[in-house]
Amino acid sequence: MKILPPVSIEARRLLPSRWDLLAAVLVLGFIVAFADVSRYLVHPLSSITGHDLQLDPRDLPGYALRTSLRMLIAMGVSLAFTFTYATCRCWTSCNRCRSFPSCR
């Protein structure tokens, strides 16, 4: 009976396939796109005027990227708040803490 080596040590799988390269290019492209769009998120609100908004179809992908980046930031902040509040709630006894409205 012939014993075959495990798939993980086959020599032909050491090099990435074309699908791996395509996935790497797409991921790097999204990282570069979000990094480019994030430059505009650090401006103070006082410097933003309504004259910069244009409905030219060439500008709409940039607006969509900025909106997506803001949404991801908001979801991250929401997740951090959820875990912080839950941890604080779990560690705090209801007898000692009156700041949580659910304590009875």
Protein backbone atom coordinates (compact mmCIF):
# COMPACT_ATOMS: atom_id res chain seq x y z
CA MET A 1 0.00 0.00 0.00
CA LYS A 2 1.39 3.37 -1.05
CA ILE A 3 1.36 6.14 1.58
CA LEU A 4 0.63 9.54 0.13
CA PRO A 5 2.08 12.68 1.71
CA PRO A 6 -0.39 15.15 3.24
CA VAL A 7 -1.78 17.78 0.92
CA SER A 8 -0.25 20.55 3.01
CA ILE A 9 3.33 19.58 2.11
CA GLU A 10 2.92 19.04 -1.61
CA ALA A 11 5.48 21.04 -3.56
CA ARG A 12 3.05 22.32 -6.16
CA ARG A 13 1.01 24.24 -3.57
CA LEU A 14 3.93 26.34 -2.32
CA LEU A 15 3.35 28.93 -5.02
CA PRO A 16 0.13 30.96 -4.97
CA SER A 17 -2.43 30.23 -7.63
CA ARG A 18 -3.94 32.82 -9.92
CA TRP A 19 -6.98 33.06 -7.62
CA ASP A 20 -4.72 33.86 -4.66
CA LEU A 21 -3.08 36.63 -6.67
CA LEU A 22 -6.45 38.00 -7.75
CA ALA A 23 -7.68 38.03 -4.14
CA ALA A 24 -4.48 39.78 -3.00
CA VAL A 25 -4.86 42.44 -5.70
CA LEU A 26 -8.51 43.04 -4.75
CA VAL A 27 -7.76 43.30 -1.03
CA LEU A 28 -4.85 45.66 -1.61
CA GLY A 29 -7.02 47.71 -3.96
CA PHE A 30 -9.70 48.12 -1.29
CA ILE A 31 -7.09 49.07 1.30
CA VAL A 32 -5.60 51.70 -1.01
CA ALA A 33 -9.06 53.04 -1.92
CA PHE A 34 -10.10 53.39 1.74
CA ALA A 35 -6.76 54.97 2.63
CA ASP A 36 -7.17 57.51 -0.18
CA VAL A 37 -10.74 58.35 0.85
CA SER A 38 -9.88 58.59 4.54
CA ARG A 39 -7.77 61.68 3.87
CA TYR A 40 -10.98 63.68 3.52
CA LEU A 41 -12.45 62.48 6.82
CA VAL A 42 -10.05 64.44 9.02
CA HIS A 43 -11.08 67.93 7.89
CA PRO A 44 -12.84 70.03 10.56
CA LEU A 45 -16.56 70.49 10.06
CA SER A 46 -16.17 74.26 9.82
CA SER A 47 -14.17 73.89 6.60
CA ILE A 48 -16.89 71.85 4.88
CA THR A 49 -19.18 73.84 2.62
CA GLY A 50 -22.05 72.72 0.45
CA HIS A 51 -20.28 73.86 -2.70
CA ASP A 52 -17.96 70.85 -2.77
CA LEU A 53 -20.78 68.37 -3.40
CA GLN A 54 -21.34 67.66 -7.07
CA LEU A 55 -23.53 65.03 -8.67
CA ASP A 56 -21.13 64.27 -11.49
CA PRO A 57 -21.17 60.48 -12.05
CA ARG A 58 -17.36 60.41 -11.84
CA ASP A 59 -17.52 61.62 -8.22
CA LEU A 60 -20.15 59.17 -6.98
CA PRO A 61 -17.79 56.19 -6.34
CA GLY A 62 -15.70 58.40 -4.07
CA TYR A 63 -18.80 59.44 -2.14
CA ALA A 64 -19.81 55.78 -1.81
CA LEU A 65 -16.36 54.89 -0.48
CA ARG A 66 -16.47 57.69 2.08
CA THR A 67 -19.93 56.61 3.20
CA SER A 68 -18.80 52.98 3.52
CA LEU A 69 -15.75 54.01 5.54
CA ARG A 70 -17.88 56.11 7.90
CA MET A 71 -20.27 53.19 8.32
CA LEU A 72 -17.40 50.80 9.19
CA ILE A 73 -16.02 53.28 11.73
CA ALA A 74 -19.46 53.68 13.30
CA MET A 75 -19.92 49.91 13.54
CA GLY A 76 -16.50 49.55 15.19
CA VAL A 77 -17.32 52.24 17.75
CA SER A 78 -20.69 50.62 18.41
CA LEU A 79 -19.07 47.21 18.92
CA ALA A 80 -16.47 48.67 21.28
CA PHE A 81 -19.22 50.40 23.31
CA THR A 82 -21.26 47.21 23.45
CA PHE A 83 -18.40 45.13 24.81
CA THR A 84 -17.33 47.86 27.25
CA TYR A 85 -20.85 48.31 28.63
CA ALA A 86 -21.45 44.57 28.84
CA THR A 87 -18.16 44.02 30.68
CA CYS A 88 -18.89 46.83 33.11
CA ARG A 89 -22.41 45.50 33.65
CA CYS A 90 -21.14 41.99 34.23
CA TRP A 91 -18.49 43.07 36.77
CA THR A 92 -20.75 45.42 38.67
CA SER A 93 -23.24 44.08 41.15
CA CYS A 94 -26.69 45.64 41.10
CA ASN A 95 -26.44 46.34 44.83
CA ARG A 96 -23.35 48.51 44.43
CA CYS A 97 -24.16 50.34 41.22
CA ARG A 98 -27.16 52.58 40.63
CA SER A 99 -25.99 54.03 37.29
CA PHE A 100 -27.54 51.20 35.30
CA PRO A 101 -31.30 51.61 34.85
CA SER A 102 -31.88 47.86 34.64
CA CYS A 103 -30.84 47.34 38.29
CA ARG A 104 -33.86 46.72 40.49
